[in-house]
PDB file of N, CA and C in Angstrom:
ATOM      1  N   MET A   1     -20.565   4.024  30.317  1.00  0.00           N
ATOM      2  CA  MET A   1     -19.282   4.634  29.916  1.00  0.00           C
ATOM      3  C   MET A   1     -18.313   3.577  29.369  1.00  0.00           C
ATOM      4  N   THR A   2     -18.168   2.470  30.083  1.00  0.00           N
ATOM      5  CA  THR A   2     -17.196   1.447  29.666  1.00  0.00           C
ATOM      6  C   THR A   2     -17.560   0.854  28.308  1.00  0.00           C
ATOM      7  N   ILE A   3     -18.858   0.632  28.064  1.00  0.00           N
ATOM      8  CA  ILE A   3     -19.317   0.057  26.799  1.00  0.00           C
ATOM      9  C   ILE A   3     -18.980   1.016  25.652  1.00  0.00           C
ATOM     10  N   ILE A   4     -19.226   2.300  25.863  1.00  0.00           N
ATOM     11  CA  ILE A   4     -18.926   3.317  24.847  1.00  0.00           C
ATOM     12  C   ILE A   4     -17.422   3.344  24.564  1.00  0.00           C
ATOM     13  N   HIS A   5     -16.633   3.295  25.623  1.00  0.00           N
ATOM     14  CA  HIS A   5     -15.169   3.294  25.472  1.00  0.00           C
ATOM     15  C   HIS A   5     -14.697   2.087  24.664  1.00  0.00           C
ATOM     16  N   ARG A   6     -15.293   0.917  24.977  1.00  0.00           N
ATOM     17  CA  ARG A   6     -14.929  -0.301  24.250  1.00  0.00           C
ATOM     18  C   ARG A   6     -15.291  -0.179  22.783  1.00  0.00           C
ATOM     19  N   LEU A   7     -16.462   0.379  22.513  1.00  0.00           N
ATOM     20  CA  LEU A   7     -16.913   0.583  21.127  1.00  0.00           C
ATOM     21  C   LEU A   7     -15.950   1.515  20.389  1.00  0.00           C
ATOM     22  N   LEU A   8     -15.593   2.614  21.051  1.00  0.00           N
ATOM     23  CA  LEU A   8     -14.657   3.570  20.448  1.00  0.00           C
ATOM     24  C   LEU A   8     -13.306   2.922  20.169  1.00  0.00           C
ATOM     25  N   ASP A   9     -12.836   2.113  21.115  1.00  0.00           N
ATOM     26  CA  ASP A   9     -11.555   1.407  20.926  1.00  0.00           C
ATOM     27  C   ASP A   9     -11.633   0.466  19.731  1.00  0.00           C
ATOM     28  N   ALA A  10     -12.734  -0.267  19.618  1.00  0.00           N
ATOM     29  CA  ALA A  10     -12.929  -1.201  18.509  1.00  0.00           C
ATOM     30  C   ALA A  10     -12.951  -0.457  17.178  1.00  0.00           C
ATOM     31  N   ILE A  11     -13.692   0.652  17.119  1.00  0.00           N
ATOM     32  CA  ILE A  11     -13.780   1.470  15.905  1.00  0.00           C
ATOM     33  C   ILE A  11     -12.400   2.000  15.525  1.00  0.00           C
ATOM     34  N   ALA A  12     -11.663   2.491  16.522  1.00  0.00           N
ATOM     35  CA  ALA A  12     -10.320   3.022  16.278  1.00  0.00           C
ATOM     36  C   ALA A  12      -9.404   1.938  15.718  1.00  0.00           C
ATOM     37  N   ALA A  13      -9.455   0.738  16.307  1.00  0.00           N
ATOM     38  CA  ALA A  13      -8.628  -0.381  15.852  1.00  0.00           C
ATOM     39  C   ALA A  13      -8.959  -0.750  14.410  1.00  0.00           C
ATOM     40  N   ILE A  14     -10.262  -0.807  14.087  1.00  0.00           N
ATOM     41  CA  ILE A  14     -10.709  -1.147  12.735  1.00  0.00           C
ATOM     42  C   ILE A  14     -10.211  -0.093  11.740  1.00  0.00           C
ATOM     43  N   LEU A  15     -10.347   1.177  12.109  1.00  0.00           N
ATOM     44  CA  LEU A  15      -9.894   2.264  11.235  1.00  0.00           C
ATOM     45  C   LEU A  15      -8.390   2.190  10.994  1.00  0.00           C
ATOM     46  N   ILE A  16      -7.623   1.940  12.056  1.00  0.00           N
ATOM     47  CA  ILE A  16      -6.163   1.857  11.943  1.00  0.00           C
ATOM     48  C   ILE A  16      -5.757   0.705  11.026  1.00  0.00           C
ATOM     49  N   THR A  17      -6.364  -0.474  11.236  1.00  0.00           N
ATOM     50  CA  THR A  17      -6.025  -1.631  10.397  1.00  0.00           C
ATOM     51  C   THR A  17      -6.415  -1.381   8.948  1.00  0.00           C
ATOM     52  N   ALA A  18      -7.570  -0.750   8.725  1.00  0.00           N
ATOM     53  CA  ALA A  18      -8.030  -0.464   7.364  1.00  0.00           C
ATOM     54  C   ALA A  18      -7.077   0.494   6.654  1.00  0.00           C
ATOM     55  N   THR A  19      -6.672   1.551   7.347  1.00  0.00           N
ATOM     56  CA  THR A  19      -5.759   2.530   6.739  1.00  0.00           C
ATOM     57  C   THR A  19      -4.391   1.891   6.470  1.00  0.00           C
ATOM     58  N   MET A  20      -3.930   1.034   7.390  1.00  0.00           N
ATOM     59  CA  MET A  20      -2.652   0.352   7.202  1.00  0.00           C
ATOM     60  C   MET A  20      -2.704  -0.557   5.982  1.00  0.00           C
ATOM     61  N   ARG A  21      -3.800  -1.303   5.833  1.00  0.00           N
ATOM     62  CA  ARG A  21      -3.966  -2.198   4.684  1.00  0.00           C
ATOM     63  C   ARG A  21      -4.009  -1.411   3.385  1.00  0.00           C
ATOM     64  N   LEU A  22      -4.730  -0.290   3.400  1.00  0.00           N
ATOM     65  CA  LEU A  22      -4.831   0.550   2.204  1.00  0.00           C
ATOM     66  C   LEU A  22      -3.475   1.109   1.810  1.00  0.00           C
ATOM     67  N   SER A  23      -2.740   1.623   2.783  1.00  0.00           N
ATOM     68  CA  SER A  23      -1.417   2.201   2.498  1.00  0.00           C
ATOM     69  C   SER A  23      -0.460   1.133   1.984  1.00  0.00           C
ATOM     70  N   LEU A  24      -0.544  -0.083   2.561  1.00  0.00           N
ATOM     71  CA  LEU A  24       0.305  -1.191   2.112  1.00  0.00           C
ATOM     72  C   LEU A  24      -0.020  -1.554   0.676  1.00  0.00           C
ATOM     73  N   ALA A  25      -1.307  -1.627   0.349  1.00  0.00           N
ATOM     74  CA  ALA A  25      -1.734  -1.970  -1.014  1.00  0.00           C
ATOM     75  C   ALA A  25      -1.246  -0.916  -2.007  1.00  0.00           C
ATOM     76  N   CYS A  26      -1.395   0.361  -1.646  1.00  0.00           N
ATOM     77  CA  CYS A  26      -0.939   1.453  -2.510  1.00  0.00           C
ATOM     78  C   CYS A  26       0.572   1.393  -2.705  1.00  0.00           C
ATOM     79  N   TYR A  27       1.298   1.119  -1.620  1.00  0.00           N
ATOM     80  CA  TYR A  27       2.757   1.033  -1.680  1.00  0.00           C
ATOM     81  C   TYR A  27       3.198  -0.111  -2.590  1.00  0.00           C
ATOM     82  N   ARG A  28       2.549  -1.262  -2.438  1.00  0.00           N
ATOM     83  CA  ARG A  28       2.877  -2.429  -3.277  1.00  0.00           C
ATOM     84  C   ARG A  28       2.609  -2.134  -4.747  1.00  0.00           C
ATOM     85  N   ARG A  29       1.490  -1.456  -5.024  1.00  0.00           N
ATOM     86  CA  ARG A  29       1.137  -1.117  -6.403  1.00  0.00           C
ATOM     87  C   ARG A  29       2.183  -0.179  -6.998  1.00  0.00           C
ATOM     88  N   ALA A  30       2.601   0.806  -6.218  1.00  0.00           N
ATOM     89  CA  ALA A  30       3.614   1.769  -6.677  1.00  0.00           C
ATOM     90  C   ALA A  30       4.943   1.057  -6.929  1.00  0.00           C
ATOM     91  N   GLU A  31       5.325   0.151  -6.032  1.00  0.00           N
ATOM     92  CA  GLU A  31       6.577  -0.600  -6.184  1.00  0.00           C
ATOM     93  C   GLU A  31       6.542  -1.453  -7.446  1.00  0.00           C
ATOM     94  N   ALA A  32       5.410  -2.120  -7.685  1.00  0.00           N
ATOM     95  CA  ALA A  32       5.265  -2.970  -8.869  1.00  0.00           C
ATOM     96  C   ALA A  32       5.382  -2.126 -10.143  1.00  0.00           C
ATOM     97  N   ALA A  33       4.735  -0.965 -10.143  1.00  0.00           N
ATOM     98  CA  ALA A  33       4.783  -0.069 -11.305  1.00  0.00           C
ATOM     99  C   ALA A  33       6.209   0.416 -11.549  1.00  0.00           C
ATOM    100  N   ARG A  34       6.904   0.770 -10.467  1.00  0.00           N
ATOM    101  CA  ARG A  34       8.281   1.251 -10.577  1.00  0.00           C
ATOM    102  C   ARG A  34       9.189   0.150 -11.132  1.00  0.00           C
ATOM    103  N   TRP A  35       9.003  -1.076 -10.620  1.00  0.00           N
ATOM    104  CA  TRP A  35       9.805  -2.219 -11.065  1.00  0.00           C
ATOM    105  C   TRP A  35       9.558  -2.488 -12.546  1.00  0.00           C
ATOM    106  N   ARG A  36       8.284  -2.428 -12.962  1.00  0.00           N
ATOM    107  CA  ARG A  36       7.918  -2.668 -14.358  1.00  0.00           C
ATOM    108  C   ARG A  36       8.553  -1.617 -15.257  1.00  0.00           C
ATOM    109  N   ARG A  37       8.503  -0.350 -14.809  1.00  0.00           N
ATOM    110  CA  ARG A  37       9.088   0.756 -15.574  1.00  0.00           C
ATOM    111  C   ARG A  37      10.598   0.554 -15.746  1.00  0.00           C
ATOM    112  N   GLY A  38      11.258   0.154 -14.664  1.00  0.00           N
ATOM    113  CA  GLY A  38      12.694  -0.089 -14.706  1.00  0.00           C
ATOM    114  C   GLY A  38      13.040  -1.223 -15.665  1.00  0.00           C
ATOM    115  N   LYS A  39      12.217  -2.280 -15.649  1.00  0.00           N
ATOM    116  CA  LYS A  39      12.423  -3.431 -16.531  1.00  0.00           C
ATOM    117  C   LYS A  39      12.285  -2.991 -17.995  1.00  0.00           C
ATOM    118  N   LEU A  40      11.246  -2.200 -18.275  1.00  0.00           N
ATOM    119  CA  LEU A  40      11.016  -1.715 -19.642  1.00  0.00           C
ATOM    120  C   LEU A  40      12.173  -0.842 -20.106  1.00  0.00           C
ATOM    121  N   ARG A  41      12.653   0.011 -19.214  1.00  0.00           N
ATOM    122  CA  ARG A  41      13.762   0.910 -19.537  1.00  0.00           C
ATOM    123  C   ARG A  41      15.019   0.095 -19.888  1.00  0.00           C
ATOM    124  N   ALA A  42      15.286  -0.942 -19.101  1.00  0.00           N
ATOM    125  CA  ALA A  42      16.449  -1.807 -19.337  1.00  0.00           C
ATOM    126  C   ALA A  42      16.330  -2.496 -20.698  1.00  0.00           C
ATOM    127  N   LEU A  43      15.127  -2.963 -21.030  1.00  0.00           N
ATOM    128  CA  LEU A  43      14.898  -3.617 -22.327  1.00  0.00           C
ATOM    129  C   LEU A  43      15.124  -2.636 -23.472  1.00  0.00           C
ATOM    130  N   ASP A  44      14.638  -1.393 -23.308  1.00  0.00           N
ATOM    131  CA  ASP A  44      14.823  -0.363 -24.334  1.00  0.00           C
ATOM    132  C   ASP A  44      16.299  -0.074 -24.556  1.00  0.00           C
ATOM    133  N   GLN A  45      17.059   0.026 -23.487  1.00  0.00           N
ATOM    134  CA  GLN A  45      18.497   0.304 -23.585  1.00  0.00           C
ATOM    135  C   GLN A  45      19.210  -0.836 -24.318  1.00  0.00           C
ATOM    136  N   ARG A  46      18.817  -2.074 -24.036  1.00  0.00           N
ATOM    137  CA  ARG A  46      19.419  -3.241 -24.677  1.00  0.00           C
ATOM    138  C   ARG A  46      19.122  -3.236 -26.179  1.00  0.00           C
ATOM    139  N   ARG A  47      17.881  -2.874 -26.528  1.00  0.00           N
ATOM    140  CA  ARG A  47      17.465  -2.847 -27.922  1.00  0.00           C
ATOM    141  C   ARG A  47      18.246  -1.799 -28.716  1.00  0.00           C
ATOM    142  N   ARG A  48      18.451  -0.617 -28.097  1.00  0.00           N
ATOM    143  CA  ARG A  48      19.163   0.484 -28.758  1.00  0.00           C
ATOM    144  C   ARG A  48      20.612   0.138 -29.054  1.00  0.00           C
ATOM    145  N   SER A  49      21.281  -0.522 -28.106  1.00  0.00           N
ATOM    146  CA  SER A  49      22.705  -0.851 -28.262  1.00  0.00           C
ATOM    147  C   SER A  49      22.931  -2.120 -29.092  1.00  0.00           C
TER     148      SER A  49
END
């Protein structure tokens, strides 16, 4: 029983860390895209005026 519990705990920890890393990577990618879009928009506004 204890060995199975330890295995389950290890699997759960690995899954949690993996999902956290994935969500962080996705969030960073979205932030970078948003920042790039904002920069492009600012450049366009400067060019127009």
